[in-house]
N, C-alpha and C. Protein backbone atom coordinates (compact mmCIF):
# COMPACT_ATOMS: atom_id res chain seq x y z
N MET A 1 98.50 -36.29 30.40
CA MET A 1 97.17 -35.70 30.33
C MET A 1 96.14 -36.82 30.17
N THR A 2 95.00 -36.63 30.79
CA THR A 2 93.93 -37.62 30.68
C THR A 2 93.19 -37.44 29.35
N GLU A 3 92.22 -38.29 29.08
CA GLU A 3 91.44 -38.21 27.84
C GLU A 3 90.86 -36.81 27.62
N ILE A 4 90.28 -36.24 28.69
CA ILE A 4 89.70 -34.90 28.63
C ILE A 4 90.36 -34.07 29.72
N TYR A 5 90.76 -32.85 29.36
CA TYR A 5 91.44 -31.97 30.30
C TYR A 5 90.86 -30.58 30.12
N ALA A 6 90.79 -29.80 31.18
CA ALA A 6 90.20 -28.46 31.11
C ALA A 6 91.16 -27.41 31.64
N ILE A 7 91.10 -26.23 31.03
CA ILE A 7 91.82 -25.06 31.53
C ILE A 7 90.79 -23.94 31.59
N ALA A 8 90.57 -23.43 32.81
CA ALA A 8 89.52 -22.42 33.00
C ALA A 8 89.71 -21.75 34.35
N GLU A 9 88.73 -20.93 34.72
CA GLU A 9 88.75 -20.30 36.04
C GLU A 9 88.53 -21.37 37.10
N GLU A 10 88.92 -21.06 38.33
CA GLU A 10 88.92 -22.04 39.40
C GLU A 10 87.55 -22.70 39.62
N GLU A 11 86.48 -21.93 39.59
CA GLU A 11 85.15 -22.48 39.85
C GLU A 11 84.76 -23.52 38.80
N LEU A 12 85.10 -23.28 37.53
CA LEU A 12 84.79 -24.26 36.49
C LEU A 12 85.63 -25.52 36.66
N ILE A 13 86.88 -25.36 37.05
CA ILE A 13 87.74 -26.53 37.25
C ILE A 13 87.20 -27.39 38.40
N ILE A 14 86.72 -26.75 39.46
CA ILE A 14 86.11 -27.50 40.57
C ILE A 14 84.90 -28.28 40.07
N ALA A 15 84.07 -27.65 39.25
CA ALA A 15 82.90 -28.34 38.71
C ALA A 15 83.30 -29.51 37.81
N PHE A 16 84.31 -29.31 36.97
CA PHE A 16 84.77 -30.40 36.11
C PHE A 16 85.32 -31.55 36.94
N ARG A 17 86.05 -31.24 37.98
CA ARG A 17 86.60 -32.31 38.83
C ARG A 17 85.49 -33.13 39.48
N MET A 18 84.36 -32.50 39.76
CA MET A 18 83.23 -33.22 40.37
C MET A 18 82.69 -34.29 39.44
N ILE A 19 82.90 -34.14 38.14
CA ILE A 19 82.43 -35.15 37.20
C ILE A 19 83.58 -35.97 36.62
N GLY A 20 84.76 -35.85 37.25
CA GLY A 20 85.88 -36.69 36.87
C GLY A 20 86.80 -36.15 35.80
N VAL A 21 86.68 -34.87 35.46
CA VAL A 21 87.56 -34.27 34.45
C VAL A 21 88.62 -33.45 35.17
N GLU A 22 89.88 -33.78 34.92
CA GLU A 22 90.99 -33.04 35.53
C GLU A 22 91.21 -31.74 34.78
N GLY A 23 91.89 -30.80 35.46
CA GLY A 23 92.15 -29.54 34.80
C GLY A 23 93.07 -28.65 35.61
N THR A 24 93.35 -27.49 35.04
CA THR A 24 94.20 -26.50 35.67
C THR A 24 93.44 -25.19 35.76
N ALA A 25 93.39 -24.61 36.95
CA ALA A 25 92.78 -23.29 37.13
C ALA A 25 93.83 -22.24 36.86
N VAL A 26 93.48 -21.24 36.05
CA VAL A 26 94.41 -20.15 35.74
C VAL A 26 93.73 -18.82 35.99
N ALA A 27 94.56 -17.82 36.29
CA ALA A 27 94.02 -16.50 36.63
C ALA A 27 94.57 -15.39 35.76
N GLY A 28 95.37 -15.72 34.76
CA GLY A 28 95.91 -14.68 33.91
C GLY A 28 96.53 -15.27 32.66
N ALA A 29 96.94 -14.39 31.75
CA ALA A 29 97.44 -14.81 30.45
C ALA A 29 98.71 -15.66 30.57
N ASP A 30 99.63 -15.30 31.45
CA ASP A 30 100.86 -16.08 31.60
C ASP A 30 100.57 -17.49 32.07
N GLN A 31 99.70 -17.61 33.07
CA GLN A 31 99.31 -18.94 33.56
C GLN A 31 98.58 -19.72 32.48
N ALA A 32 97.74 -19.04 31.70
CA ALA A 32 96.99 -19.70 30.63
C ALA A 32 97.94 -20.26 29.58
N ARG A 33 98.91 -19.47 29.16
CA ARG A 33 99.88 -19.93 28.15
C ARG A 33 100.69 -21.12 28.68
N GLU A 34 101.13 -21.03 29.91
CA GLU A 34 101.92 -22.11 30.51
C GLU A 34 101.10 -23.40 30.58
N ALA A 35 99.86 -23.31 31.05
CA ALA A 35 99.00 -24.50 31.17
C ALA A 35 98.68 -25.08 29.79
N PHE A 36 98.43 -24.21 28.81
CA PHE A 36 98.12 -24.66 27.45
C PHE A 36 99.31 -25.39 26.84
N ARG A 37 100.48 -24.79 26.95
CA ARG A 37 101.68 -25.41 26.37
C ARG A 37 101.99 -26.74 27.03
N ARG A 38 101.76 -26.82 28.33
CA ARG A 38 101.97 -28.08 29.04
C ARG A 38 100.95 -29.14 28.56
N ALA A 39 99.71 -28.73 28.39
CA ALA A 39 98.66 -29.67 27.99
C ALA A 39 98.86 -30.19 26.57
N VAL A 40 99.24 -29.33 25.64
CA VAL A 40 99.40 -29.78 24.25
C VAL A 40 100.78 -30.35 23.99
N GLY A 41 101.73 -30.08 24.90
CA GLY A 41 103.09 -30.55 24.70
C GLY A 41 103.35 -31.94 25.21
N GLU A 42 102.43 -32.47 26.00
CA GLU A 42 102.60 -33.81 26.56
C GLU A 42 102.14 -34.85 25.56
N PRO A 43 103.05 -35.69 25.09
CA PRO A 43 102.60 -36.76 24.20
C PRO A 43 101.77 -37.75 25.00
N GLY A 44 100.85 -38.36 24.36
CA GLY A 44 100.05 -39.35 25.08
C GLY A 44 98.63 -39.43 24.57
N GLU A 45 97.76 -39.75 25.48
CA GLU A 45 96.40 -40.10 25.11
C GLU A 45 95.41 -38.95 25.16
N GLY A 46 95.84 -37.75 25.46
CA GLY A 46 94.91 -36.63 25.54
C GLY A 46 94.20 -36.40 24.23
N ARG A 47 92.89 -36.41 24.27
CA ARG A 47 92.10 -36.28 23.04
C ARG A 47 91.30 -35.01 22.98
N MET A 48 90.97 -34.41 24.13
CA MET A 48 90.15 -33.21 24.14
C MET A 48 90.62 -32.25 25.22
N LEU A 49 90.76 -30.99 24.85
CA LEU A 49 91.14 -29.94 25.78
C LEU A 49 90.02 -28.93 25.82
N ILE A 50 89.42 -28.74 26.98
CA ILE A 50 88.33 -27.78 27.15
C ILE A 50 88.91 -26.48 27.67
N LEU A 51 88.63 -25.38 26.96
CA LEU A 51 89.07 -24.05 27.38
C LEU A 51 87.85 -23.15 27.52
N SER A 52 87.83 -22.32 28.55
CA SER A 52 86.77 -21.32 28.61
C SER A 52 87.13 -20.21 27.61
N GLU A 53 86.12 -19.52 27.11
CA GLU A 53 86.33 -18.49 26.08
C GLU A 53 87.34 -17.44 26.51
N ASP A 54 87.30 -17.04 27.78
CA ASP A 54 88.24 -16.02 28.23
C ASP A 54 89.68 -16.53 28.17
N ILE A 55 89.88 -17.80 28.48
CA ILE A 55 91.22 -18.38 28.38
C ILE A 55 91.62 -18.48 26.91
N ALA A 56 90.70 -18.89 26.05
CA ALA A 56 91.00 -18.96 24.62
C ALA A 56 91.42 -17.59 24.09
N ASP A 57 90.75 -16.54 24.54
CA ASP A 57 91.11 -15.19 24.11
C ASP A 57 92.51 -14.81 24.59
N MET A 58 92.89 -15.25 25.78
CA MET A 58 94.23 -14.96 26.29
C MET A 58 95.30 -15.63 25.43
N LEU A 59 94.98 -16.78 24.87
CA LEU A 59 95.95 -17.53 24.06
C LEU A 59 96.08 -16.97 22.65
N GLY A 60 95.03 -16.36 22.15
CA GLY A 60 95.07 -15.68 20.86
C GLY A 60 95.58 -16.50 19.70
N GLU A 61 96.59 -15.96 19.02
CA GLU A 61 97.13 -16.58 17.80
C GLU A 61 97.75 -17.95 18.06
N GLU A 62 98.30 -18.15 19.25
CA GLU A 62 98.89 -19.45 19.57
C GLU A 62 97.82 -20.55 19.53
N LEU A 63 96.62 -20.25 20.04
CA LEU A 63 95.53 -21.21 20.01
C LEU A 63 95.06 -21.45 18.58
N ILE A 64 94.90 -20.40 17.82
CA ILE A 64 94.44 -20.56 16.43
C ILE A 64 95.43 -21.41 15.64
N ALA A 65 96.72 -21.16 15.81
CA ALA A 65 97.73 -21.97 15.12
C ALA A 65 97.62 -23.44 15.51
N TRP A 66 97.39 -23.69 16.81
CA TRP A 66 97.23 -25.09 17.26
C TRP A 66 96.01 -25.72 16.62
N GLN A 67 94.88 -25.01 16.62
CA GLN A 67 93.66 -25.58 16.06
C GLN A 67 93.81 -25.87 14.57
N LEU A 68 94.49 -25.00 13.86
CA LEU A 68 94.68 -25.20 12.43
C LEU A 68 95.68 -26.31 12.11
N SER A 69 96.48 -26.70 13.09
CA SER A 69 97.49 -27.75 12.87
C SER A 69 96.85 -29.13 12.69
N GLY A 70 95.65 -29.31 13.25
CA GLY A 70 94.97 -30.60 13.13
C GLY A 70 95.47 -31.65 14.10
N ARG A 71 96.32 -31.25 15.04
CA ARG A 71 96.86 -32.22 16.00
C ARG A 71 95.91 -32.35 17.20
N TYR A 72 96.13 -33.44 17.95
CA TYR A 72 95.40 -33.64 19.19
C TYR A 72 96.18 -33.04 20.33
N PRO A 73 95.51 -32.58 21.35
CA PRO A 73 94.09 -32.72 21.64
C PRO A 73 93.23 -31.74 20.85
N LEU A 74 92.01 -32.17 20.59
CA LEU A 74 91.01 -31.32 19.99
C LEU A 74 90.63 -30.26 21.03
N VAL A 75 90.54 -29.01 20.62
CA VAL A 75 90.23 -27.92 21.54
C VAL A 75 88.74 -27.55 21.41
N VAL A 76 88.06 -27.54 22.55
CA VAL A 76 86.66 -27.17 22.62
C VAL A 76 86.54 -25.96 23.53
N GLU A 77 85.86 -24.92 23.06
CA GLU A 77 85.70 -23.71 23.87
C GLU A 77 84.30 -23.66 24.47
N ILE A 78 84.24 -23.27 25.74
CA ILE A 78 82.97 -23.14 26.44
C ILE A 78 82.88 -21.74 27.05
N PRO A 79 81.67 -21.23 27.28
CA PRO A 79 81.55 -19.92 27.94
C PRO A 79 82.04 -19.98 29.37
N PRO A 80 82.62 -18.89 29.87
CA PRO A 80 83.01 -18.85 31.29
C PRO A 80 81.76 -18.71 32.16
N LEU A 81 81.94 -18.74 33.47
CA LEU A 81 80.80 -18.62 34.38
C LEU A 81 80.03 -17.32 34.19
N ALA A 82 80.72 -16.26 33.78
CA ALA A 82 80.06 -14.97 33.57
C ALA A 82 79.16 -14.97 32.33
N GLY A 83 79.23 -16.01 31.53
CA GLY A 83 78.41 -16.10 30.33
C GLY A 83 79.23 -15.85 29.08
N PRO A 84 78.64 -16.08 27.91
CA PRO A 84 79.37 -15.90 26.65
C PRO A 84 79.89 -14.47 26.50
N GLN A 85 81.07 -14.35 25.94
CA GLN A 85 81.65 -13.04 25.72
C GLN A 85 81.27 -12.55 24.33
N PRO A 86 80.66 -11.37 24.23
CA PRO A 86 80.17 -10.89 22.93
C PRO A 86 81.29 -10.64 21.92
N ASP A 87 82.49 -10.34 22.38
CA ASP A 87 83.59 -10.05 21.45
C ASP A 87 84.49 -11.26 21.19
N HIS A 88 84.11 -12.44 21.69
CA HIS A 88 84.90 -13.65 21.49
C HIS A 88 84.80 -14.11 20.03
N VAL A 89 85.96 -14.40 19.41
CA VAL A 89 85.99 -14.87 18.03
C VAL A 89 86.36 -16.35 18.03
N ARG A 90 85.44 -17.17 17.56
CA ARG A 90 85.70 -18.61 17.46
C ARG A 90 86.53 -18.88 16.20
N LEU A 91 87.20 -20.02 16.17
CA LEU A 91 88.03 -20.39 15.03
C LEU A 91 87.22 -20.37 13.74
N VAL A 92 86.03 -20.95 13.76
CA VAL A 92 85.22 -21.00 12.55
C VAL A 92 84.89 -19.59 12.05
N ASP A 93 84.66 -18.66 12.96
CA ASP A 93 84.38 -17.29 12.56
C ASP A 93 85.62 -16.63 11.96
N ALA A 94 86.78 -16.90 12.53
CA ALA A 94 88.03 -16.34 12.00
C ALA A 94 88.31 -16.86 10.60
N VAL A 95 88.06 -18.14 10.37
CA VAL A 95 88.27 -18.73 9.05
C VAL A 95 87.29 -18.14 8.04
N ARG A 96 86.03 -18.02 8.44
CA ARG A 96 85.05 -17.42 7.54
C ARG A 96 85.43 -16.00 7.16
N GLN A 97 85.89 -15.24 8.12
CA GLN A 97 86.30 -13.86 7.85
C GLN A 97 87.51 -13.83 6.93
N ALA A 98 88.45 -14.73 7.14
CA ALA A 98 89.67 -14.77 6.34
C ALA A 98 89.39 -15.10 4.87
N ILE A 99 88.41 -15.97 4.64
CA ILE A 99 88.12 -16.35 3.25
C ILE A 99 86.94 -15.58 2.67
N GLY A 100 86.37 -14.71 3.45
CA GLY A 100 85.33 -13.83 2.94
C GLY A 100 83.93 -14.39 2.90
N ILE A 101 83.64 -15.40 3.70
CA ILE A 101 82.29 -15.97 3.74
C ILE A 101 81.51 -15.29 4.87
N LYS A 102 80.33 -14.81 4.52
CA LYS A 102 79.48 -14.21 5.54
C LYS A 102 78.12 -14.91 5.50
N ILE A 103 77.74 -15.51 6.60
CA ILE A 103 76.46 -16.21 6.68
C ILE A 103 75.55 -15.42 7.60
N GLN A 104 74.40 -15.08 7.11
CA GLN A 104 73.43 -14.29 7.90
C GLN A 104 72.57 -15.16 8.74
């Protein structure tokens, strides 16, 4: 894996490749899990993994467990081309809910 790698819908991967970021285009949960496991399972220099929110949602608990592990690559979530998903739960929101912190 390169320094920065992306897993998202095909159009976003094409855009990332235009700026020199490699990635894998996925179209469903099975492909998303396979690409994620391959990206985080490769030892090496990968430092950042970019996931679109819809892909992050497909990964669910597996992604949260990875983020809480503190291992590299660091996972960064971005909105998909359709825009931010109103029901998407970010890691920080899940942690706040788990420990009972509510910030208005």
